Amino acid sequence: MTIVRIDPEQLAEELEANEDVLTALAENGDIANIVRGIDLHFKGSQTNIEMLAGNAETLGFQFLGYAEYEDGDWAADLQIDSTTDREAISALTRRALEIEILHDVEFDGWGCHAETGLAD
C-alpha cells in the first residue's frame, strides 16, 4: 500500500472551504445523513485525466464525464454516494487530495444538491 503524504496546509484550506459548502447546504434544508451522489472535479493534463477516469471504478467512484479548457487542461468529474456529514466530507476530501497526488491532477472541489427528505 502506498502512503500518500498530504500537505497539512492544503488539507486545512480544503476543510475550511468545505465549511462554506456545508453551511450553504444546511441553509437550503439539507439533512446531512441522507446518502446522495457527490460530484468531485479534477483538472490536469489529458493523459493524467484519462488515467484517472480509467481508474475511477477501482478508486470507488463513478466516472461522469470529461471537459476541456481553453488552456489545454482537461477535467474529469467523478461521483460517489455519501452523506454530507462533516466526518464523511472530511474523509472524502482527504481521499481527493490523495488522488490528486497519485494521479498528478488538481482536485478542484466537490458539490451536490441539498437533500431535504422531501420528494422533488
N, C-alpha and C. Protein backbone atom coordinates (compact mmCIF):
# COMPACT_ATOMS: atom_id res chain seq x y z
N MET A 1 0.84 -1.19 0.00
CA MET A 1 0.00 0.00 0.00
C MET A 1 0.89 1.25 0.00
N THR A 2 0.57 2.18 -0.86
CA THR A 2 1.32 3.42 -0.96
C THR A 2 0.84 4.40 0.10
N ILE A 3 1.78 4.98 0.83
CA ILE A 3 1.44 6.01 1.80
C ILE A 3 1.57 7.35 1.10
N VAL A 4 0.51 8.13 1.14
CA VAL A 4 0.48 9.43 0.49
C VAL A 4 0.50 10.51 1.58
N ARG A 5 1.44 11.40 1.49
CA ARG A 5 1.55 12.48 2.46
C ARG A 5 0.90 13.74 1.90
N ILE A 6 -0.22 14.09 2.50
CA ILE A 6 -0.97 15.28 2.09
C ILE A 6 -0.39 16.49 2.81
N ASP A 7 -0.25 17.59 2.09
CA ASP A 7 0.21 18.84 2.67
C ASP A 7 -0.81 19.30 3.71
N PRO A 8 -0.41 19.42 4.99
CA PRO A 8 -1.37 19.80 6.04
C PRO A 8 -2.02 21.16 5.81
N GLU A 9 -1.27 22.10 5.21
CA GLU A 9 -1.85 23.41 4.93
C GLU A 9 -2.93 23.32 3.86
N GLN A 10 -2.68 22.53 2.83
CA GLN A 10 -3.67 22.35 1.78
C GLN A 10 -4.91 21.67 2.34
N LEU A 11 -4.72 20.65 3.17
CA LEU A 11 -5.86 19.97 3.78
C LEU A 11 -6.66 20.95 4.62
N ALA A 12 -5.99 21.76 5.42
CA ALA A 12 -6.68 22.75 6.26
C ALA A 12 -7.49 23.73 5.40
N GLU A 13 -6.91 24.18 4.29
CA GLU A 13 -7.62 25.09 3.38
C GLU A 13 -8.86 24.43 2.79
N GLU A 14 -8.71 23.17 2.37
CA GLU A 14 -9.85 22.45 1.79
C GLU A 14 -10.94 22.24 2.83
N LEU A 15 -10.55 21.87 4.04
CA LEU A 15 -11.55 21.65 5.09
C LEU A 15 -12.26 22.94 5.45
N GLU A 16 -11.54 24.06 5.41
CA GLU A 16 -12.16 25.37 5.66
C GLU A 16 -13.15 25.70 4.54
N ALA A 17 -12.76 25.42 3.30
CA ALA A 17 -13.67 25.66 2.16
C ALA A 17 -14.91 24.77 2.27
N ASN A 18 -14.74 23.56 2.79
CA ASN A 18 -15.88 22.66 2.97
C ASN A 18 -16.93 23.31 3.86
N GLU A 19 -16.50 24.06 4.86
CA GLU A 19 -17.44 24.69 5.79
C GLU A 19 -18.42 25.60 5.07
N ASP A 20 -17.93 26.33 4.06
CA ASP A 20 -18.81 27.21 3.28
C ASP A 20 -19.87 26.40 2.55
N VAL A 21 -19.45 25.29 1.95
CA VAL A 21 -20.39 24.44 1.20
C VAL A 21 -21.39 23.80 2.17
N LEU A 22 -20.91 23.28 3.28
CA LEU A 22 -21.80 22.64 4.25
C LEU A 22 -22.79 23.63 4.84
N THR A 23 -22.35 24.87 5.07
CA THR A 23 -23.25 25.91 5.56
C THR A 23 -24.33 26.22 4.53
N ALA A 24 -23.93 26.35 3.27
CA ALA A 24 -24.90 26.63 2.20
C ALA A 24 -25.90 25.49 2.08
N LEU A 25 -25.43 24.25 2.17
CA LEU A 25 -26.35 23.11 2.11
C LEU A 25 -27.34 23.17 3.27
N ALA A 26 -26.85 23.42 4.48
CA ALA A 26 -27.72 23.49 5.66
C ALA A 26 -28.75 24.60 5.51
N GLU A 27 -28.33 25.74 4.96
CA GLU A 27 -29.26 26.86 4.74
C GLU A 27 -30.35 26.50 3.75
N ASN A 28 -30.08 25.50 2.91
CA ASN A 28 -31.07 25.04 1.93
C ASN A 28 -31.83 23.81 2.42
N GLY A 29 -31.75 23.54 3.72
CA GLY A 29 -32.55 22.47 4.32
C GLY A 29 -31.94 21.09 4.23
N ASP A 30 -30.65 21.01 3.93
CA ASP A 30 -30.01 19.71 3.78
C ASP A 30 -30.06 18.91 5.07
N ILE A 31 -30.37 17.62 4.93
CA ILE A 31 -30.29 16.66 6.02
C ILE A 31 -29.04 15.85 5.73
N ALA A 32 -27.99 16.12 6.51
CA ALA A 32 -26.65 15.63 6.20
C ALA A 32 -26.53 14.12 6.17
N ASN A 33 -27.38 13.40 6.90
CA ASN A 33 -27.22 11.94 6.95
C ASN A 33 -27.95 11.20 5.82
N ILE A 34 -28.50 11.93 4.86
CA ILE A 34 -29.12 11.30 3.69
C ILE A 34 -28.03 11.07 2.64
N VAL A 35 -27.92 9.83 2.19
CA VAL A 35 -26.93 9.48 1.16
C VAL A 35 -27.40 10.02 -0.18
N ARG A 36 -26.45 10.62 -0.91
CA ARG A 36 -26.72 11.15 -2.25
C ARG A 36 -25.43 11.15 -3.05
N GLY A 37 -25.55 11.40 -4.35
CA GLY A 37 -24.36 11.49 -5.19
C GLY A 37 -23.61 12.78 -4.92
N ILE A 38 -22.31 12.64 -4.69
CA ILE A 38 -21.44 13.81 -4.50
C ILE A 38 -20.44 13.80 -5.64
N ASP A 39 -20.39 14.92 -6.36
CA ASP A 39 -19.50 15.06 -7.51
C ASP A 39 -18.18 15.67 -7.09
N LEU A 40 -17.10 15.11 -7.61
CA LEU A 40 -15.76 15.64 -7.39
C LEU A 40 -15.18 16.02 -8.74
N HIS A 41 -14.49 17.14 -8.78
CA HIS A 41 -13.95 17.70 -10.02
C HIS A 41 -12.43 17.72 -9.94
N PHE A 42 -11.79 17.17 -10.96
CA PHE A 42 -10.33 17.15 -11.04
C PHE A 42 -9.89 17.74 -12.37
N LYS A 43 -8.78 18.50 -12.37
CA LYS A 43 -8.22 19.10 -13.58
C LYS A 43 -6.80 18.60 -13.78
N GLY A 44 -6.35 18.59 -15.03
CA GLY A 44 -4.97 18.21 -15.30
C GLY A 44 -4.74 17.99 -16.78
N SER A 45 -3.62 17.38 -17.09
CA SER A 45 -3.31 17.08 -18.49
C SER A 45 -4.27 16.01 -19.00
N GLN A 46 -4.45 15.97 -20.30
CA GLN A 46 -5.35 14.99 -20.90
C GLN A 46 -4.94 13.57 -20.49
N THR A 47 -3.66 13.27 -20.55
CA THR A 47 -3.17 11.93 -20.22
C THR A 47 -3.51 11.56 -18.78
N ASN A 48 -3.23 12.46 -17.84
CA ASN A 48 -3.47 12.17 -16.43
C ASN A 48 -4.96 12.08 -16.11
N ILE A 49 -5.75 12.94 -16.74
CA ILE A 49 -7.20 12.91 -16.52
C ILE A 49 -7.79 11.63 -17.09
N GLU A 50 -7.33 11.21 -18.27
CA GLU A 50 -7.83 9.96 -18.83
C GLU A 50 -7.44 8.77 -17.95
N MET A 51 -6.24 8.82 -17.39
CA MET A 51 -5.81 7.74 -16.49
C MET A 51 -6.69 7.72 -15.23
N LEU A 52 -6.97 8.88 -14.68
CA LEU A 52 -7.84 8.96 -13.51
C LEU A 52 -9.23 8.41 -13.84
N ALA A 53 -9.77 8.82 -14.98
CA ALA A 53 -11.10 8.33 -15.37
C ALA A 53 -11.09 6.81 -15.50
N GLY A 54 -10.02 6.28 -16.07
CA GLY A 54 -9.91 4.83 -16.21
C GLY A 54 -9.80 4.10 -14.89
N ASN A 55 -9.30 4.78 -13.87
CA ASN A 55 -9.14 4.18 -12.55
C ASN A 55 -10.30 4.50 -11.61
N ALA A 56 -11.27 5.27 -12.06
CA ALA A 56 -12.33 5.75 -11.19
C ALA A 56 -13.03 4.62 -10.44
N GLU A 57 -13.41 3.58 -11.15
CA GLU A 57 -14.15 2.49 -10.52
C GLU A 57 -13.30 1.79 -9.45
N THR A 58 -12.03 1.58 -9.75
CA THR A 58 -11.12 0.96 -8.79
C THR A 58 -10.99 1.82 -7.54
N LEU A 59 -11.08 3.13 -7.71
CA LEU A 59 -10.99 4.06 -6.59
C LEU A 59 -12.30 4.19 -5.83
N GLY A 60 -13.36 3.55 -6.32
CA GLY A 60 -14.66 3.60 -5.66
C GLY A 60 -15.58 4.70 -6.14
N PHE A 61 -15.28 5.25 -7.32
CA PHE A 61 -16.07 6.34 -7.87
C PHE A 61 -16.70 5.92 -9.20
N GLN A 62 -17.69 6.68 -9.60
CA GLN A 62 -18.28 6.54 -10.93
C GLN A 62 -17.75 7.70 -11.76
N PHE A 63 -17.28 7.41 -12.97
CA PHE A 63 -16.82 8.46 -13.89
C PHE A 63 -18.05 9.07 -14.55
N LEU A 64 -18.19 10.41 -14.48
CA LEU A 64 -19.34 11.09 -15.07
C LEU A 64 -19.05 11.68 -16.44
N GLY A 65 -17.84 12.22 -16.63
CA GLY A 65 -17.55 12.82 -17.93
C GLY A 65 -16.32 13.69 -17.91
N TYR A 66 -15.93 14.13 -19.12
CA TYR A 66 -14.77 14.99 -19.32
C TYR A 66 -15.22 16.40 -19.68
N ALA A 67 -14.29 17.33 -19.49
CA ALA A 67 -14.43 18.69 -20.02
C ALA A 67 -13.04 19.10 -20.48
N GLU A 68 -12.99 19.99 -21.46
CA GLU A 68 -11.70 20.50 -21.93
C GLU A 68 -11.71 22.01 -21.81
N TYR A 69 -10.62 22.56 -21.32
CA TYR A 69 -10.49 24.00 -21.12
C TYR A 69 -9.69 24.63 -22.24
N GLU A 70 -9.88 25.94 -22.44
CA GLU A 70 -9.16 26.66 -23.49
C GLU A 70 -7.65 26.60 -23.31
N ASP A 71 -7.18 26.48 -22.05
CA ASP A 71 -5.74 26.45 -21.80
C ASP A 71 -5.13 25.07 -22.04
N GLY A 72 -5.95 24.12 -22.50
CA GLY A 72 -5.46 22.78 -22.81
C GLY A 72 -5.65 21.78 -21.70
N ASP A 73 -5.95 22.27 -20.48
CA ASP A 73 -6.23 21.34 -19.39
C ASP A 73 -7.52 20.59 -19.64
N TRP A 74 -7.58 19.41 -19.08
CA TRP A 74 -8.79 18.61 -19.14
C TRP A 74 -9.33 18.48 -17.72
N ALA A 75 -10.57 18.06 -17.63
CA ALA A 75 -11.19 17.83 -16.33
C ALA A 75 -11.98 16.54 -16.38
N ALA A 76 -12.09 15.92 -15.24
CA ALA A 76 -12.93 14.73 -15.09
C ALA A 76 -13.82 14.94 -13.88
N ASP A 77 -15.07 14.59 -14.04
CA ASP A 77 -16.00 14.61 -12.92
C ASP A 77 -16.25 13.17 -12.50
N LEU A 78 -16.06 12.94 -11.21
CA LEU A 78 -16.32 11.63 -10.62
C LEU A 78 -17.42 11.79 -9.59
N GLN A 79 -18.09 10.69 -9.28
CA GLN A 79 -19.18 10.75 -8.31
C GLN A 79 -19.08 9.57 -7.36
N ILE A 80 -19.49 9.82 -6.12
CA ILE A 80 -19.56 8.77 -5.11
C ILE A 80 -20.81 9.03 -4.28
N ASP A 81 -21.43 7.96 -3.82
CA ASP A 81 -22.59 8.10 -2.94
C ASP A 81 -22.10 8.22 -1.51
N SER A 82 -22.56 9.28 -0.84
CA SER A 82 -22.12 9.54 0.53
C SER A 82 -23.11 10.48 1.21
N THR A 83 -22.93 10.64 2.49
CA THR A 83 -23.66 11.65 3.24
C THR A 83 -22.83 12.94 3.19
N THR A 84 -23.39 14.00 3.72
CA THR A 84 -22.64 15.26 3.80
C THR A 84 -22.32 15.63 5.24
N ASP A 85 -22.34 14.63 6.13
CA ASP A 85 -21.93 14.98 7.49
C ASP A 85 -20.44 15.33 7.46
N ARG A 86 -20.02 16.15 8.39
CA ARG A 86 -18.68 16.71 8.41
C ARG A 86 -17.60 15.63 8.34
N GLU A 87 -17.79 14.53 9.07
CA GLU A 87 -16.80 13.45 9.08
C GLU A 87 -16.66 12.81 7.70
N ALA A 88 -17.78 12.52 7.05
CA ALA A 88 -17.74 11.90 5.72
C ALA A 88 -17.10 12.83 4.69
N ILE A 89 -17.44 14.11 4.74
CA ILE A 89 -16.88 15.07 3.78
C ILE A 89 -15.39 15.28 4.04
N SER A 90 -14.98 15.29 5.29
CA SER A 90 -13.56 15.42 5.60
C SER A 90 -12.78 14.23 5.07
N ALA A 91 -13.33 13.03 5.25
CA ALA A 91 -12.66 11.82 4.73
C ALA A 91 -12.62 11.84 3.21
N LEU A 92 -13.70 12.28 2.58
CA LEU A 92 -13.75 12.37 1.12
C LEU A 92 -12.72 13.39 0.62
N THR A 93 -12.57 14.48 1.32
CA THR A 93 -11.59 15.50 0.93
C THR A 93 -10.17 14.93 1.03
N ARG A 94 -9.88 14.22 2.08
CA ARG A 94 -8.56 13.59 2.21
C ARG A 94 -8.31 12.63 1.04
N ARG A 95 -9.33 11.84 0.72
CA ARG A 95 -9.20 10.91 -0.41
C ARG A 95 -8.95 11.64 -1.72
N ALA A 96 -9.67 12.74 -1.92
CA ALA A 96 -9.50 13.52 -3.15
C ALA A 96 -8.08 14.08 -3.24
N LEU A 97 -7.52 14.52 -2.12
CA LEU A 97 -6.16 15.05 -2.13
C LEU A 97 -5.15 13.94 -2.37
N GLU A 98 -5.42 12.74 -1.89
CA GLU A 98 -4.55 11.60 -2.20
C GLU A 98 -4.60 11.28 -3.69
N ILE A 99 -5.80 11.31 -4.27
CA ILE A 99 -5.96 11.07 -5.71
C ILE A 99 -5.19 12.14 -6.49
N GLU A 100 -5.28 13.38 -6.03
CA GLU A 100 -4.56 14.48 -6.67
C GLU A 100 -3.07 14.15 -6.78
N ILE A 101 -2.50 13.68 -5.69
CA ILE A 101 -1.07 13.38 -5.65
C ILE A 101 -0.75 12.15 -6.51
N LEU A 102 -1.51 11.09 -6.34
CA LEU A 102 -1.22 9.83 -7.03
C LEU A 102 -1.41 9.91 -8.55
N HIS A 103 -2.32 10.78 -9.01
CA HIS A 103 -2.61 10.88 -10.44
C HIS A 103 -2.06 12.17 -11.08
N ASP A 104 -1.36 12.98 -10.28
CA ASP A 104 -0.78 14.23 -10.76
C ASP A 104 -1.85 15.09 -11.46
N VAL A 105 -2.94 15.30 -10.73
CA VAL A 105 -4.04 16.15 -11.19
C VAL A 105 -4.33 17.15 -10.07
N GLU A 106 -5.25 18.06 -10.32
CA GLU A 106 -5.63 19.05 -9.32
C GLU A 106 -7.06 18.80 -8.88
N PHE A 107 -7.27 18.59 -7.58
CA PHE A 107 -8.62 18.48 -7.03
C PHE A 107 -9.22 19.87 -7.07
N ASP A 108 -10.38 20.00 -7.72
CA ASP A 108 -10.98 21.30 -7.94
C ASP A 108 -12.33 21.42 -7.25
N GLY A 109 -12.52 20.64 -6.17
CA GLY A 109 -13.72 20.80 -5.37
C GLY A 109 -14.77 19.72 -5.56
N TRP A 110 -15.78 19.82 -4.74
CA TRP A 110 -16.88 18.86 -4.74
C TRP A 110 -18.19 19.63 -4.65
N GLY A 111 -19.27 18.94 -4.98
CA GLY A 111 -20.58 19.56 -4.87
C GLY A 111 -21.68 18.52 -4.91
N CYS A 112 -22.85 18.93 -4.48
CA CYS A 112 -24.03 18.08 -4.51
C CYS A 112 -25.26 18.93 -4.27
N HIS A 113 -26.41 18.33 -4.43
CA HIS A 113 -27.67 19.01 -4.15
C HIS A 113 -28.02 18.80 -2.69
N ALA A 114 -28.69 19.78 -2.12
CA ALA A 114 -29.21 19.63 -0.77
C ALA A 114 -30.31 18.56 -0.78
N GLU A 115 -30.25 17.67 0.17
CA GLU A 115 -31.29 16.64 0.31
C GLU A 115 -32.12 16.97 1.52
N THR A 116 -33.39 17.27 1.28
CA THR A 116 -34.27 17.70 2.36
C THR A 116 -35.17 16.58 2.87
N GLY A 117 -35.13 15.44 2.20
CA GLY A 117 -36.01 14.35 2.57
C GLY A 117 -37.39 14.47 1.95
N LEU A 118 -37.63 15.54 1.23
CA LEU A 118 -38.90 15.76 0.55
C LEU A 118 -38.78 15.33 -0.90
N ALA A 119 -39.88 14.85 -1.48
CA ALA A 119 -39.87 14.48 -2.90
C ALA A 119 -39.63 15.72 -3.74
N ASP A 120 -38.88 15.54 -4.84
CA ASP A 120 -38.59 16.67 -5.75
C ASP A 120 -39.82 17.15 -6.46
